Amino acid sequence: EVIQDLPSVARDFMLSWSDSILSDRQY
């Protein structure tokens, strides 16, 4: 069950990470 949950967790992490990178470049 934990392994099945990893993809969603990794996706959320990547989304938030890319979001912070994009917002950092704007300023």
PDB file of N, CA and C in Angstrom:
ATOM      1  N   GLU A   1       0.840  -1.203   0.000  1.00  0.00           N
ATOM      2  CA  GLU A   1       0.000   0.000   0.000  1.00  0.00           C
ATOM      3  C   GLU A   1       0.877   1.255   0.000  1.00  0.00           C
ATOM      4  N   VAL A   2       1.972   1.190   0.764  1.00  0.00           N
ATOM      5  CA  VAL A   2       2.854   2.366   0.823  1.00  0.00           C
ATOM      6  C   VAL A   2       3.471   2.632  -0.548  1.00  0.00           C
ATOM      7  N   ILE A   3       3.863   1.544  -1.232  1.00  0.00           N
ATOM      8  CA  ILE A   3       4.485   1.704  -2.552  1.00  0.00           C
ATOM      9  C   ILE A   3       3.487   2.306  -3.535  1.00  0.00           C
ATOM     10  N   GLN A   4       2.220   1.916  -3.427  1.00  0.00           N
ATOM     11  CA  GLN A   4       1.209   2.472  -4.321  1.00  0.00           C
ATOM     12  C   GLN A   4       1.019   3.959  -4.048  1.00  0.00           C
ATOM     13  N   ASP A   5       1.266   4.394  -2.821  1.00  0.00           N
ATOM     14  CA  ASP A   5       1.066   5.787  -2.454  1.00  0.00           C
ATOM     15  C   ASP A   5       2.246   6.657  -2.884  1.00  0.00           C
ATOM     16  N   LEU A   6       3.389   6.031  -3.145  1.00  0.00           N
ATOM     17  CA  LEU A   6       4.585   6.800  -3.489  1.00  0.00           C
ATOM     18  C   LEU A   6       4.404   7.671  -4.733  1.00  0.00           C
ATOM     19  N   PRO A   7       3.861   7.153  -5.825  1.00  0.00           N
ATOM     20  CA  PRO A   7       3.701   7.976  -7.035  1.00  0.00           C
ATOM     21  C   PRO A   7       2.973   9.283  -6.758  1.00  0.00           C
ATOM     22  N   SER A   8       1.881   9.235  -6.015  1.00  0.00           N
ATOM     23  CA  SER A   8       1.121  10.460  -5.741  1.00  0.00           C
ATOM     24  C   SER A   8       1.944  11.402  -4.874  1.00  0.00           C
ATOM     25  N   VAL A   9       2.660  10.857  -3.903  1.00  0.00           N
ATOM     26  CA  VAL A   9       3.491  11.700  -3.032  1.00  0.00           C
ATOM     27  C   VAL A   9       4.610  12.351  -3.836  1.00  0.00           C
ATOM     28  N   ALA A  10       5.254  11.564  -4.685  1.00  0.00           N
ATOM     29  CA  ALA A  10       6.339  12.106  -5.504  1.00  0.00           C
ATOM     30  C   ALA A  10       5.794  13.168  -6.449  1.00  0.00           C
ATOM     31  N   ARG A  11       4.599  12.917  -7.001  1.00  0.00           N
ATOM     32  CA  ARG A  11       3.997  13.888  -7.919  1.00  0.00           C
ATOM     33  C   ARG A  11       3.707  15.196  -7.185  1.00  0.00           C
ATOM     34  N   ASP A  12       3.151  15.088  -5.984  1.00  0.00           N
ATOM     35  CA  ASP A  12       2.862  16.299  -5.202  1.00  0.00           C
ATOM     36  C   ASP A  12       4.157  17.047  -4.888  1.00  0.00           C
ATOM     37  N   PHE A  13       5.198  16.298  -4.533  1.00  0.00           N
ATOM     38  CA  PHE A  13       6.478  16.923  -4.210  1.00  0.00           C
ATOM     39  C   PHE A  13       7.052  17.643  -5.430  1.00  0.00           C
ATOM     40  N   MET A  14       7.028  16.983  -6.581  1.00  0.00           N
ATOM     41  CA  MET A  14       7.554  17.595  -7.794  1.00  0.00           C
ATOM     42  C   MET A  14       6.755  18.834  -8.177  1.00  0.00           C
ATOM     43  N   LEU A  15       5.422  18.759  -8.019  1.00  0.00           N
ATOM     44  CA  LEU A  15       4.580  19.905  -8.367  1.00  0.00           C
ATOM     45  C   LEU A  15       4.912  21.097  -7.483  1.00  0.00           C
ATOM     46  N   SER A  16       5.002  20.878  -6.196  1.00  0.00           N
ATOM     47  CA  SER A  16       5.300  21.978  -5.272  1.00  0.00           C
ATOM     48  C   SER A  16       6.722  22.497  -5.516  1.00  0.00           C
ATOM     49  N   TRP A  17       7.653  21.572  -5.829  1.00  0.00           N
ATOM     50  CA  TRP A  17       9.033  21.979  -6.073  1.00  0.00           C
ATOM     51  C   TRP A  17       9.123  22.839  -7.330  1.00  0.00           C
ATOM     52  N   SER A  18       8.510  22.395  -8.418  1.00  0.00           N
ATOM     53  CA  SER A  18       8.537  23.173  -9.661  1.00  0.00           C
ATOM     54  C   SER A  18       7.802  24.493  -9.472  1.00  0.00           C
ATOM     55  N   ASP A  19       6.752  24.480  -8.656  1.00  0.00           N
ATOM     56  CA  ASP A  19       6.012  25.718  -8.390  1.00  0.00           C
ATOM     57  C   ASP A  19       6.919  26.740  -7.722  1.00  0.00           C
ATOM     58  N   SER A  20       7.685  26.315  -6.747  1.00  0.00           N
ATOM     59  CA  SER A  20       8.574  27.243  -6.036  1.00  0.00           C
ATOM     60  C   SER A  20       9.675  27.737  -6.979  1.00  0.00           C
ATOM     61  N   ILE A  21      10.162  26.865  -7.849  1.00  0.00           N
ATOM     62  CA  ILE A  21      11.205  27.266  -8.791  1.00  0.00           C
ATOM     63  C   ILE A  21      10.665  28.313  -9.758  1.00  0.00           C
ATOM     64  N   LEU A  22       9.464  28.078 -10.283  1.00  0.00           N
ATOM     65  CA  LEU A  22       8.874  29.021 -11.234  1.00  0.00           C
ATOM     66  C   LEU A  22       8.604  30.356 -10.566  1.00  0.00           C
ATOM     67  N   SER A  23       8.069  30.336  -9.365  1.00  0.00           N
ATOM     68  CA  SER A  23       7.753  31.587  -8.669  1.00  0.00           C
ATOM     69  C   SER A  23       9.049  32.328  -8.326  1.00  0.00           C
ATOM     70  N   ASP A  24      10.116  31.583  -8.035  1.00  0.00           N
ATOM     71  CA  ASP A  24      11.389  32.230  -7.721  1.00  0.00           C
ATOM     72  C   ASP A  24      11.937  32.949  -8.950  1.00  0.00           C
ATOM     73  N   ARG A  25      11.746  32.374 -10.126  1.00  0.00           N
ATOM     74  CA  ARG A  25      12.283  32.989 -11.339  1.00  0.00           C
ATOM     75  C   ARG A  25      11.504  34.249 -11.705  1.00  0.00           C
ATOM     76  N   GLN A  26      10.238  34.313 -11.328  1.00  0.00           N
ATOM     77  CA  GLN A  26       9.425  35.472 -11.697  1.00  0.00           C
ATOM     78  C   GLN A  26       9.931  36.730 -10.995  1.00  0.00           C
ATOM     79  N   TYR A  27      10.425  36.581  -9.767  1.00  0.00           N
ATOM     80  CA  TYR A  27      10.843  37.777  -9.016  1.00  0.00           C
ATOM     81  C   TYR A  27      12.342  38.002  -9.175  1.00  0.00           C
TER      82      TYR A  27
END
